Amino acid sequence: LPEHQFKFEFYRLFVNGRSLRDDNLNAITKNNNQVFARIFVYMATS
């Protein structure tokens, strides 16, 4: 690609690459973060 087009696409992939994640992966990530939060809070309070 010409450099100006390459620059645009590179930014999209490098900076905004997480937009390619599907709903399933996003849901799993959210769940796992919540699980970790519960575990860490348990440890801090106990």
ModelCIF file with pLDDT and N, C-alpha, C, O atoms, coordinates in Angstrom:
data_MODEL
#
_entry.id   MODEL 
#
_entity.id                         1 
_entity.type                       polymer 
_entity.pdbx_number_of_molecules   1 
#
_entity_poly.entity_id                      1 
_entity_poly.type                           'polypeptide(L)' 
_entity_poly.nstd_linkage                   no 
_entity_poly.nstd_monomer                   no 
_entity_poly.pdbx_seq_one_letter_code       LPEHQFKFEFYRLFVNGRSLRDDNLNAITKNNNQVFARIFVYMATS 
_entity_poly.pdbx_seq_one_letter_code_can   LPEHQFKFEFYRLFVNGRSLRDDNLNAITKNNNQVFARIFVYMATS 
_entity_poly.pdbx_strand_id                 A 
#
loop_
_entity_poly_seq.entity_id 
_entity_poly_seq.num 
_entity_poly_seq.mon_id 
_entity_poly_seq.hetero 
1 1  LEU n 
1 2  PRO n 
1 3  GLU n 
1 4  HIS n 
1 5  GLN n 
1 6  PHE n 
1 7  LYS n 
1 8  PHE n 
1 9  GLU n 
1 10 PHE n 
1 11 TYR n 
1 12 ARG n 
1 13 LEU n 
1 14 PHE n 
1 15 VAL n 
1 16 ASN n 
1 17 GLY n 
1 18 ARG n 
1 19 SER n 
1 20 LEU n 
1 21 ARG n 
1 22 ASP n 
1 23 ASP n 
1 24 ASN n 
1 25 LEU n 
1 26 ASN n 
1 27 ALA n 
1 28 ILE n 
1 29 THR n 
1 30 LYS n 
1 31 ASN n 
1 32 ASN n 
1 33 ASN n 
1 34 GLN n 
1 35 VAL n 
1 36 PHE n 
1 37 ALA n 
1 38 ARG n 
1 39 ILE n 
1 40 PHE n 
1 41 VAL n 
1 42 TYR n 
1 43 MET n 
1 44 ALA n 
1 45 THR n 
1 46 SER n 
#
_struct_asym.id          A 
_struct_asym.entity_id   1 
#
loop_
_ma_qa_metric.id 
_ma_qa_metric.mode 
_ma_qa_metric.name 
_ma_qa_metric.software_group_id 
_ma_qa_metric.type 
1 global pLDDT . pLDDT 
2 local  pLDDT . pLDDT 
#
_ma_qa_metric_global.metric_id      1 
_ma_qa_metric_global.metric_value   95.09 
_ma_qa_metric_global.model_id       1 
_ma_qa_metric_global.ordinal_id     1 
#
loop_
_ma_qa_metric_local.label_asym_id 
_ma_qa_metric_local.label_comp_id 
_ma_qa_metric_local.label_seq_id 
_ma_qa_metric_local.metric_id 
_ma_qa_metric_local.metric_value 
_ma_qa_metric_local.model_id 
_ma_qa_metric_local.ordinal_id 
A LEU 1  2 94.00 1 1  
A PRO 2  2 95.00 1 2  
A GLU 3  2 94.00 1 3  
A HIS 4  2 95.00 1 4  
A GLN 5  2 96.00 1 5  
A PHE 6  2 97.00 1 6  
A LYS 7  2 96.00 1 7  
A PHE 8  2 96.00 1 8  
A GLU 9  2 96.00 1 9  
A PHE 10 2 97.00 1 10 
A TYR 11 2 96.00 1 11 
A ARG 12 2 96.00 1 12 
A LEU 13 2 95.00 1 13 
A PHE 14 2 94.00 1 14 
A VAL 15 2 95.00 1 15 
A ASN 16 2 94.00 1 16 
A GLY 17 2 93.00 1 17 
A ARG 18 2 93.00 1 18 
A SER 19 2 94.00 1 19 
A LEU 20 2 95.00 1 20 
A ARG 21 2 95.00 1 21 
A ASP 22 2 95.00 1 22 
A ASP 23 2 96.00 1 23 
A ASN 24 2 97.00 1 24 
A LEU 25 2 96.00 1 25 
A ASN 26 2 96.00 1 26 
A ALA 27 2 97.00 1 27 
A ILE 28 2 96.00 1 28 
A THR 29 2 95.00 1 29 
A LYS 30 2 94.00 1 30 
A ASN 31 2 96.00 1 31 
A ASN 32 2 94.00 1 32 
A ASN 33 2 94.00 1 33 
A GLN 34 2 95.00 1 34 
A VAL 35 2 94.00 1 35 
A PHE 36 2 94.00 1 36 
A ALA 37 2 95.00 1 37 
A ARG 38 2 95.00 1 38 
A ILE 39 2 95.00 1 39 
A PHE 40 2 95.00 1 40 
A VAL 41 2 95.00 1 41 
A TYR 42 2 96.00 1 42 
A MET 43 2 95.00 1 43 
A ALA 44 2 94.00 1 44 
A THR 45 2 94.00 1 45 
A SER 46 2 95.00 1 46 
#
loop_
_atom_site.group_PDB 
_atom_site.id 
_atom_site.type_symbol 
_atom_site.label_atom_id 
_atom_site.label_alt_id 
_atom_site.label_comp_id 
_atom_site.label_asym_id 
_atom_site.label_entity_id 
_atom_site.label_seq_id 
_atom_site.pdbx_PDB_ins_code 
_atom_site.Cartn_x 
_atom_site.Cartn_y 
_atom_site.Cartn_z 
_atom_site.occupancy 
_atom_site.B_iso_or_equiv 
_atom_site.pdbx_formal_charge 
_atom_site.auth_seq_id 
_atom_site.auth_comp_id 
_atom_site.auth_asym_id 
_atom_site.auth_atom_id 
_atom_site.pdbx_PDB_model_num 
ATOM 1   N N  . LEU A 1 1  ? 0.824   -1.206  0.000  1.00 94.00 ? 1  LEU A N  1 
ATOM 2   C CA . LEU A 1 1  ? 0.000   0.000   0.000  1.00 94.00 ? 1  LEU A CA 1 
ATOM 3   C C  . LEU A 1 1  ? 0.863   1.263   0.000  1.00 94.00 ? 1  LEU A C  1 
ATOM 4   O O  . LEU A 1 1  ? 2.012   1.225   0.441  1.00 94.00 ? 1  LEU A O  1 
ATOM 5   N N  . PRO A 1 2  ? 0.325   2.368   -0.486 1.00 95.00 ? 2  PRO A N  1 
ATOM 6   C CA . PRO A 1 2  ? 1.013   3.662   -0.308 1.00 95.00 ? 2  PRO A CA 1 
ATOM 7   C C  . PRO A 1 2  ? 1.165   3.933   1.189  1.00 95.00 ? 2  PRO A C  1 
ATOM 8   O O  . PRO A 1 2  ? 0.390   3.422   1.997  1.00 95.00 ? 2  PRO A O  1 
ATOM 9   N N  . GLU A 1 3  ? 2.152   4.727   1.550  1.00 94.00 ? 3  GLU A N  1 
ATOM 10  C CA . GLU A 1 3  ? 2.469   4.900   2.963  1.00 94.00 ? 3  GLU A CA 1 
ATOM 11  C C  . GLU A 1 3  ? 1.295   5.459   3.762  1.00 94.00 ? 3  GLU A C  1 
ATOM 12  O O  . GLU A 1 3  ? 1.089   5.045   4.903  1.00 94.00 ? 3  GLU A O  1 
ATOM 13  N N  . HIS A 1 4  ? 0.515   6.394   3.193  1.00 95.00 ? 4  HIS A N  1 
ATOM 14  C CA . HIS A 1 4  ? -0.576  6.981   3.962  1.00 95.00 ? 4  HIS A CA 1 
ATOM 15  C C  . HIS A 1 4  ? -1.658  5.941   4.266  1.00 95.00 ? 4  HIS A C  1 
ATOM 16  O O  . HIS A 1 4  ? -2.278  5.995   5.328  1.00 95.00 ? 4  HIS A O  1 
ATOM 17  N N  . GLN A 1 5  ? -1.894  4.996   3.347  1.00 96.00 ? 5  GLN A N  1 
ATOM 18  C CA . GLN A 1 5  ? -2.873  3.943   3.591  1.00 96.00 ? 5  GLN A CA 1 
ATOM 19  C C  . GLN A 1 5  ? -2.320  2.920   4.582  1.00 96.00 ? 5  GLN A C  1 
ATOM 20  O O  . GLN A 1 5  ? -3.039  2.435   5.455  1.00 96.00 ? 5  GLN A O  1 
ATOM 21  N N  . PHE A 1 6  ? -1.038  2.601   4.436  1.00 97.00 ? 6  PHE A N  1 
ATOM 22  C CA . PHE A 1 6  ? -0.389  1.669   5.359  1.00 97.00 ? 6  PHE A CA 1 
ATOM 23  C C  . PHE A 1 6  ? -0.457  2.217   6.782  1.00 97.00 ? 6  PHE A C  1 
ATOM 24  O O  . PHE A 1 6  ? -0.736  1.481   7.729  1.00 97.00 ? 6  PHE A O  1 
ATOM 25  N N  . LYS A 1 7  ? -0.200  3.512   6.920  1.00 96.00 ? 7  LYS A N  1 
ATOM 26  C CA . LYS A 1 7  ? -0.207  4.151   8.235  1.00 96.00 ? 7  LYS A CA 1 
ATOM 27  C C  . LYS A 1 7  ? -1.582  4.023   8.890  1.00 96.00 ? 7  LYS A C  1 
ATOM 28  O O  . LYS A 1 7  ? -1.676  3.731   10.083 1.00 96.00 ? 7  LYS A O  1 
ATOM 29  N N  . PHE A 1 8  ? -2.634  4.239   8.125  1.00 96.00 ? 8  PHE A N  1 
ATOM 30  C CA . PHE A 1 8  ? -3.996  4.147   8.660  1.00 96.00 ? 8  PHE A CA 1 
ATOM 31  C C  . PHE A 1 8  ? -4.314  2.728   9.124  1.00 96.00 ? 8  PHE A C  1 
ATOM 32  O O  . PHE A 1 8  ? -4.831  2.529   10.223 1.00 96.00 ? 8  PHE A O  1 
ATOM 33  N N  . GLU A 1 9  ? -4.001  1.739   8.278  1.00 96.00 ? 9  GLU A N  1 
ATOM 34  C CA . GLU A 1 9  ? -4.314  0.349   8.613  1.00 96.00 ? 9  GLU A CA 1 
ATOM 35  C C  . GLU A 1 9  ? -3.446  -0.161  9.762  1.00 96.00 ? 9  GLU A C  1 
ATOM 36  O O  . GLU A 1 9  ? -3.905  -0.946  10.591 1.00 96.00 ? 9  GLU A O  1 
ATOM 37  N N  . PHE A 1 10 ? -2.204  0.281   9.808  1.00 97.00 ? 10 PHE A N  1 
ATOM 38  C CA . PHE A 1 10 ? -1.314  -0.142  10.885 1.00 97.00 ? 10 PHE A CA 1 
ATOM 39  C C  . PHE A 1 10 ? -1.841  0.368   12.226 1.00 97.00 ? 10 PHE A C  1 
ATOM 40  O O  . PHE A 1 10 ? -1.840  -0.362  13.217 1.00 97.00 ? 10 PHE A O  1 
ATOM 41  N N  . TYR A 1 11 ? -2.289  1.624   12.254 1.00 96.00 ? 11 TYR A N  1 
ATOM 42  C CA . TYR A 1 11 ? -2.853  2.183   13.482 1.00 96.00 ? 11 TYR A CA 1 
ATOM 43  C C  . TYR A 1 11 ? -4.085  1.380   13.916 1.00 96.00 ? 11 TYR A C  1 
ATOM 44  O O  . TYR A 1 11 ? -4.250  1.073   15.097 1.00 96.00 ? 11 TYR A O  1 
ATOM 45  N N  . ARG A 1 12 ? -4.934  1.050   12.961 1.00 96.00 ? 12 ARG A N  1 
ATOM 46  C CA . ARG A 1 12 ? -6.153  0.295   13.271 1.00 96.00 ? 12 ARG A CA 1 
ATOM 47  C C  . ARG A 1 12 ? -5.811  -1.038  13.929 1.00 96.00 ? 12 ARG A C  1 
ATOM 48  O O  . ARG A 1 12 ? -6.448  -1.428  14.908 1.00 96.00 ? 12 ARG A O  1 
ATOM 49  N N  . LEU A 1 13 ? -4.822  -1.729  13.404 1.00 95.00 ? 13 LEU A N  1 
ATOM 50  C CA . LEU A 1 13 ? -4.475  -3.038  13.938 1.00 95.00 ? 13 LEU A CA 1 
ATOM 51  C C  . LEU A 1 13 ? -3.674  -2.945  15.233 1.00 95.00 ? 13 LEU A C  1 
ATOM 52  O O  . LEU A 1 13 ? -3.906  -3.711  16.168 1.00 95.00 ? 13 LEU A O  1 
ATOM 53  N N  . PHE A 1 14 ? -2.738  -2.009  15.283 1.00 94.00 ? 14 PHE A N  1 
ATOM 54  C CA . PHE A 1 14 ? -1.833  -1.962  16.423 1.00 94.00 ? 14 PHE A CA 1 
ATOM 55  C C  . PHE A 1 14 ? -2.477  -1.338  17.653 1.00 94.00 ? 14 PHE A C  1 
ATOM 56  O O  . PHE A 1 14 ? -2.311  -1.840  18.765 1.00 94.00 ? 14 PHE A O  1 
ATOM 57  N N  . VAL A 1 15 ? -3.203  -0.257  17.463 1.00 95.00 ? 15 VAL A N  1 
ATOM 58  C CA . VAL A 1 15 ? -3.799  0.455   18.591 1.00 95.00 ? 15 VAL A CA 1 
ATOM 59  C C  . VAL A 1 15 ? -5.207  -0.044  18.891 1.00 95.00 ? 15 VAL A C  1 
ATOM 60  O O  . VAL A 1 15 ? -5.586  -0.172  20.055 1.00 95.00 ? 15 VAL A O  1 
ATOM 61  N N  . ASN A 1 16 ? -5.980  -0.324  17.851 1.00 94.00 ? 16 ASN A N  1 
ATOM 62  C CA . ASN A 1 16 ? -7.378  -0.722  18.035 1.00 94.00 ? 16 ASN A CA 1 
ATOM 63  C C  . ASN A 1 16 ? -7.618  -2.197  17.727 1.00 94.00 ? 16 ASN A C  1 
ATOM 64  O O  . ASN A 1 16 ? -8.735  -2.592  17.390 1.00 94.00 ? 16 ASN A O  1 
ATOM 65  N N  . GLY A 1 17 ? -6.581  -3.001  17.842 1.00 93.00 ? 17 GLY A N  1 
ATOM 66  C CA . GLY A 1 17 ? -6.695  -4.414  17.503 1.00 93.00 ? 17 GLY A CA 1 
ATOM 67  C C  . GLY A 1 17 ? -7.714  -5.169  18.333 1.00 93.00 ? 17 GLY A C  1 
ATOM 68  O O  . GLY A 1 17 ? -8.266  -6.169  17.874 1.00 93.00 ? 17 GLY A O  1 
ATOM 69  N N  . ARG A 1 18 ? -7.973  -4.705  19.554 1.00 93.00 ? 18 ARG A N  1 
ATOM 70  C CA . ARG A 1 18 ? -8.939  -5.401  20.415 1.00 93.00 ? 18 ARG A CA 1 
ATOM 71  C C  . ARG A 1 18 ? -10.350 -5.369  19.838 1.00 93.00 ? 18 ARG A C  1 
ATOM 72  O O  . ARG A 1 18 ? -11.204 -6.151  20.256 1.00 93.00 ? 18 ARG A O  1 
ATOM 73  N N  . SER A 1 19 ? -10.604 -4.479  18.887 1.00 94.00 ? 19 SER A N  1 
ATOM 74  C CA . SER A 1 19 ? -11.924 -4.427  18.259 1.00 94.00 ? 19 SER A CA 1 
ATOM 75  C C  . SER A 1 19 ? -12.209 -5.690  17.450 1.00 94.00 ? 19 SER A C  1 
ATOM 76  O O  . SER A 1 19 ? -13.358 -5.950  17.091 1.00 94.00 ? 19 SER A O  1 
ATOM 77  N N  . LEU A 1 20 ? -11.161 -6.485  17.160 1.00 95.00 ? 20 LEU A N  1 
ATOM 78  C CA . LEU A 1 20 ? -11.335 -7.727  16.411 1.00 95.00 ? 20 LEU A CA 1 
ATOM 79  C C  . LEU A 1 20 ? -11.763 -8.886  17.312 1.00 95.00 ? 20 LEU A C  1 
ATOM 80  O O  . LEU A 1 20 ? -12.102 -9.965  16.825 1.00 95.00 ? 20 LEU A O  1 
ATOM 81  N N  . ARG A 1 21 ? -11.745 -8.660  18.620 1.00 95.00 ? 21 ARG A N  1 
ATOM 82  C CA . ARG A 1 21 ? -12.175 -9.708  19.541 1.00 95.00 ? 21 ARG A CA 1 
ATOM 83  C C  . ARG A 1 21 ? -13.686 -9.914  19.418 1.00 95.00 ? 21 ARG A C  1 
ATOM 84  O O  . ARG A 1 21 ? -14.436 -8.946  19.292 1.00 95.00 ? 21 ARG A O  1 
ATOM 85  N N  . ASP A 1 22 ? -14.136 -11.178 19.453 1.00 95.00 ? 22 ASP A N  1 
ATOM 86  C CA . ASP A 1 22 ? -15.572 -11.432 19.319 1.00 95.00 ? 22 ASP A CA 1 
ATOM 87  C C  . ASP A 1 22 ? -16.265 -11.324 20.679 1.00 95.00 ? 22 ASP A C  1 
ATOM 88  O O  . ASP A 1 22 ? -15.615 -11.198 21.717 1.00 95.00 ? 22 ASP A O  1 
ATOM 89  N N  . ASP A 1 23 ? -17.593 -11.376 20.649 1.00 96.00 ? 23 ASP A N  1 
ATOM 90  C CA . ASP A 1 23 ? -18.380 -11.209 21.867 1.00 96.00 ? 23 ASP A CA 1 
ATOM 91  C C  . ASP A 1 23 ? -18.086 -12.305 22.884 1.00 96.00 ? 23 ASP A C  1 
ATOM 92  O O  . ASP A 1 23 ? -18.104 -12.060 24.091 1.00 96.00 ? 23 ASP A O  1 
ATOM 93  N N  . ASN A 1 24 ? -17.815 -13.515 22.394 1.00 97.00 ? 24 ASN A N  1 
ATOM 94  C CA . ASN A 1 24 ? -17.542 -14.630 23.301 1.00 97.00 ? 24 ASN A CA 1 
ATOM 95  C C  . ASN A 1 24 ? -16.279 -14.375 24.110 1.00 97.00 ? 24 ASN A C  1 
ATOM 96  O O  . ASN A 1 24 ? -16.276 -14.565 25.326 1.00 97.00 ? 24 ASN A O  1 
ATOM 97  N N  . LEU A 1 25 ? -15.208 -13.948 23.452 1.00 96.00 ? 25 LEU A N  1 
ATOM 98  C CA . LEU A 1 25 ? -13.957 -13.673 24.154 1.00 96.00 ? 25 LEU A CA 1 
ATOM 99  C C  . LEU A 1 25 ? -14.136 -12.507 25.127 1.00 96.00 ? 25 LEU A C  1 
ATOM 100 O O  . LEU A 1 25 ? -13.619 -12.545 26.244 1.00 96.00 ? 25 LEU A O  1 
ATOM 101 N N  . ASN A 1 26 ? -14.851 -11.494 24.718 1.00 96.00 ? 26 ASN A N  1 
ATOM 102 C CA . ASN A 1 26 ? -15.098 -10.359 25.612 1.00 96.00 ? 26 ASN A CA 1 
ATOM 103 C C  . ASN A 1 26 ? -15.878 -10.788 26.852 1.00 96.00 ? 26 ASN A C  1 
ATOM 104 O O  . ASN A 1 26 ? -15.605 -10.324 27.960 1.00 96.00 ? 26 ASN A O  1 
ATOM 105 N N  . ALA A 1 27 ? -16.849 -11.675 26.656 1.00 97.00 ? 27 ALA A N  1 
ATOM 106 C CA . ALA A 1 27 ? -17.658 -12.147 27.784 1.00 97.00 ? 27 ALA A CA 1 
ATOM 107 C C  . ALA A 1 27 ? -16.817 -12.984 28.745 1.00 97.00 ? 27 ALA A C  1 
ATOM 108 O O  . ALA A 1 27 ? -16.937 -12.851 29.963 1.00 97.00 ? 27 ALA A O  1 
ATOM 109 N N  . ILE A 1 28 ? -15.967 -13.846 28.188 1.00 96.00 ? 28 ILE A N  1 
ATOM 110 C CA . ILE A 1 28 ? -15.100 -14.680 29.027 1.00 96.00 ? 28 ILE A CA 1 
ATOM 111 C C  . ILE A 1 28 ? -14.124 -13.810 29.806 1.00 96.00 ? 28 ILE A C  1 
ATOM 112 O O  . ILE A 1 28 ? -13.902 -14.035 30.996 1.00 96.00 ? 28 ILE A O  1 
ATOM 113 N N  . THR A 1 29 ? -13.542 -12.817 29.140 1.00 95.00 ? 29 THR A N  1 
ATOM 114 C CA . THR A 1 29 ? -12.606 -11.917 29.801 1.00 95.00 ? 29 THR A CA 1 
ATOM 115 C C  . THR A 1 29 ? -13.285 -11.178 30.942 1.00 95.00 ? 29 THR A C  1 
ATOM 116 O O  . THR A 1 29 ? -12.717 -11.045 32.026 1.00 95.00 ? 29 THR A O  1 
ATOM 117 N N  . LYS A 1 30 ? -14.499 -10.699 30.701 1.00 94.00 ? 30 LYS A N  1 
ATOM 118 C CA . LYS A 1 30 ? -15.254 -9.997  31.749 1.00 94.00 ? 30 LYS A CA 1 
ATOM 119 C C  . LYS A 1 30 ? -15.523 -10.925 32.931 1.00 94.00 ? 30 LYS A C  1 
ATOM 120 O O  . LYS A 1 30 ? -15.352 -10.535 34.086 1.00 94.00 ? 30 LYS A O  1 
ATOM 121 N N  . ASN A 1 31 ? -15.944 -12.152 32.637 1.00 96.00 ? 31 ASN A N  1 
ATOM 122 C CA . ASN A 1 31 ? -16.195 -13.126 33.703 1.00 96.00 ? 31 ASN A CA 1 
ATOM 123 C C  . ASN A 1 31 ? -14.930 -13.393 34.511 1.00 96.00 ? 31 ASN A C  1 
ATOM 124 O O  . ASN A 1 31 ? -14.967 -13.393 35.741 1.00 96.00 ? 31 ASN A O  1 
ATOM 125 N N  . ASN A 1 32 ? -13.810 -13.622 33.824 1.00 94.00 ? 32 ASN A N  1 
ATOM 126 C CA . ASN A 1 32 ? -12.573 -13.966 34.519 1.00 94.00 ? 32 ASN A CA 1 
ATOM 127 C C  . ASN A 1 32 ? -12.056 -12.801 35.365 1.00 94.00 ? 32 ASN A C  1 
ATOM 128 O O  . ASN A 1 32 ? -11.479 -13.018 36.431 1.00 94.00 ? 32 ASN A O  1 
ATOM 129 N N  . ASN A 1 33 ? -12.256 -11.587 34.904 1.00 94.00 ? 33 ASN A N  1 
ATOM 130 C CA . ASN A 1 33 ? -11.890 -10.419 35.708 1.00 94.00 ? 33 ASN A CA 1 
ATOM 131 C C  . ASN A 1 33 ? -12.736 -10.339 36.978 1.00 94.00 ? 33 ASN A C  1 
ATOM 132 O O  . ASN A 1 33 ? -12.242 -9.984  38.049 1.00 94.00 ? 33 ASN A O  1 
ATOM 133 N N  . GLN A 1 34 ? -14.002 -10.670 36.841 1.00 95.00 ? 34 GLN A N  1 
ATOM 134 C CA . GLN A 1 34 ? -14.895 -10.652 37.996 1.00 95.00 ? 34 GLN A CA 1 
ATOM 135 C C  . GLN A 1 34 ? -14.517 -11.747 38.996 1.00 95.00 ? 34 GLN A C  1 
ATOM 136 O O  . GLN A 1 34 ? -14.582 -11.544 40.209 1.00 95.00 ? 34 GLN A O  1 
ATOM 137 N N  . VAL A 1 35 ? -14.122 -12.907 38.472 1.00 94.00 ? 35 VAL A N  1 
ATOM 138 C CA . VAL A 1 35 ? -13.692 -13.996 39.346 1.00 94.00 ? 35 VAL A CA 1 
ATOM 139 C C  . VAL A 1 35 ? -12.431 -13.593 40.101 1.00 94.00 ? 35 VAL A C  1 
ATOM 140 O O  . VAL A 1 35 ? -12.328 -13.796 41.311 1.00 94.00 ? 35 VAL A O  1 
ATOM 141 N N  . PHE A 1 36 ? -11.476 -13.023 39.378 1.00 94.00 ? 36 PHE A N  1 
ATOM 142 C CA . PHE A 1 36 ? -10.248 -12.576 40.041 1.00 94.00 ? 36 PHE A CA 1 
ATOM 143 C C  . PHE A 1 36 ? -10.555 -11.532 41.110 1.00 94.00 ? 36 PHE A C  1 
ATOM 144 O O  . PHE A 1 36 ? -9.960  -11.549 42.188 1.00 94.00 ? 36 PHE A O  1 
ATOM 145 N N  . ALA A 1 37 ? -11.484 -10.621 40.811 1.00 95.00 ? 37 ALA A N  1 
ATOM 146 C CA . ALA A 1 37 ? -11.851 -9.585  41.780 1.00 95.00 ? 37 ALA A CA 1 
ATOM 147 C C  . ALA A 1 37 ? -12.398 -10.216 43.055 1.00 95.00 ? 37 ALA A C  1 
ATOM 148 O O  . ALA A 1 37 ? -12.036 -9.803  44.157 1.00 95.00 ? 37 ALA A O  1 
ATOM 149 N N  . ARG A 1 38 ? -13.283 -11.230 42.912 1.00 95.00 ? 38 ARG A N  1 
ATOM 150 C CA . ARG A 1 38 ? -13.845 -11.892 44.088 1.00 95.00 ? 38 ARG A CA 1 
ATOM 151 C C  . ARG A 1 38 ? -12.755 -12.582 44.901 1.00 95.00 ? 38 ARG A C  1 
ATOM 152 O O  . ARG A 1 38 ? -12.769 -12.542 46.131 1.00 95.00 ? 38 ARG A O  1 
ATOM 153 N N  . ILE A 1 39 ? -11.806 -13.218 44.203 1.00 95.00 ? 39 ILE A N  1 
ATOM 154 C CA . ILE A 1 39 ? -10.723 -13.924 44.893 1.00 95.00 ? 39 ILE A CA 1 
ATOM 155 C C  . ILE A 1 39 ? -9.829  -12.942 45.640 1.00 95.00 ? 39 ILE A C  1 
ATOM 156 O O  . ILE A 1 39 ? -9.463  -13.176 46.792 1.00 95.00 ? 39 ILE A O  1 
ATOM 157 N N  . PHE A 1 40 ? -9.482  -11.840 44.978 1.00 95.00 ? 40 PHE A N  1 
ATOM 158 C CA . PHE A 1 40 ? -8.571  -10.884 45.616 1.00 95.00 ? 40 PHE A CA 1 
ATOM 159 C C  . PHE A 1 40 ? -9.251  -10.209 46.808 1.00 95.00 ? 40 PHE A C  1 
ATOM 160 O O  . PHE A 1 40 ? -8.619  -9.992  47.842 1.00 95.00 ? 40 PHE A O  1 
ATOM 161 N N  . VAL A 1 41 ? -10.527 -9.880  46.667 1.00 95.00 ? 41 VAL A N  1 
ATOM 162 C CA . VAL A 1 41 ? -11.260 -9.281  47.790 1.00 95.00 ? 41 VAL A CA 1 
ATOM 163 C C  . VAL A 1 41 ? -11.340 -10.264 48.947 1.00 95.00 ? 41 VAL A C  1 
ATOM 164 O O  . VAL A 1 41 ? -11.184 -9.876  50.105 1.00 95.00 ? 41 VAL A O  1 
ATOM 165 N N  . TYR A 1 42 ? -11.584 -11.532 48.643 1.00 96.00 ? 42 TYR A N  1 
ATOM 166 C CA . TYR A 1 42 ? -11.614 -12.546 49.713 1.00 96.00 ? 42 TYR A CA 1 
ATOM 167 C C  . TYR A 1 42 ? -10.284 -12.576 50.460 1.00 96.00 ? 42 TYR A C  1 
ATOM 168 O O  . TYR A 1 42 ? -10.257 -12.595 51.691 1.00 96.00 ? 42 TYR A O  1 
ATOM 169 N N  . MET A 1 43 ? -9.178  -12.581 49.710 1.00 95.00 ? 43 MET A N  1 
ATOM 170 C CA . MET A 1 43 ? -7.870  -12.641 50.357 1.00 95.00 ? 43 MET A CA 1 
ATOM 171 C C  . MET A 1 43 ? -7.607  -11.381 51.183 1.00 95.00 ? 43 MET A C  1 
ATOM 172 O O  . MET A 1 43 ? -7.076  -11.465 52.291 1.00 95.00 ? 43 MET A O  1 
ATOM 173 N N  . ALA A 1 44 ? -7.972  -10.231 50.654 1.00 94.00 ? 44 ALA A N  1 
ATOM 174 C CA . ALA A 1 44 ? -7.722  -8.981  51.375 1.00 94.00 ? 44 ALA A CA 1 
ATOM 175 C C  . ALA A 1 44 ? -8.537  -8.905  52.665 1.00 94.00 ? 44 ALA A C  1 
ATOM 176 O O  . ALA A 1 44 ? -8.065  -8.387  53.678 1.00 94.00 ? 44 ALA A O  1 
ATOM 177 N N  . THR A 1 45 ? -9.758  -9.424  52.618 1.00 94.00 ? 45 THR A N  1 
ATOM 178 C CA . THR A 1 45 ? -10.632 -9.337  53.787 1.00 94.00 ? 45 THR A CA 1 
ATOM 179 C C  . THR A 1 45 ? -10.375 -10.467 54.790 1.00 94.00 ? 45 THR A C  1 
ATOM 180 O O  . THR A 1 45 ? -10.722 -10.345 55.965 1.00 94.00 ? 45 THR A O  1 
ATOM 181 N N  . SER A 1 46 ? -9.776  -11.550 54.333 1.00 95.00 ? 46 SER A N  1 
ATOM 182 C CA . SER A 1 46 ? -9.487  -12.671 55.242 1.00 95.00 ? 46 SER A CA 1 
ATOM 183 C C  . SER A 1 46 ? -8.030  -12.690 55.690 1.00 95.00 ? 46 SER A C  1 
ATOM 184 O O  . SER A 1 46 ? -7.630  -13.568 56.454 1.00 95.00 ? 46 SER A O  1 
#
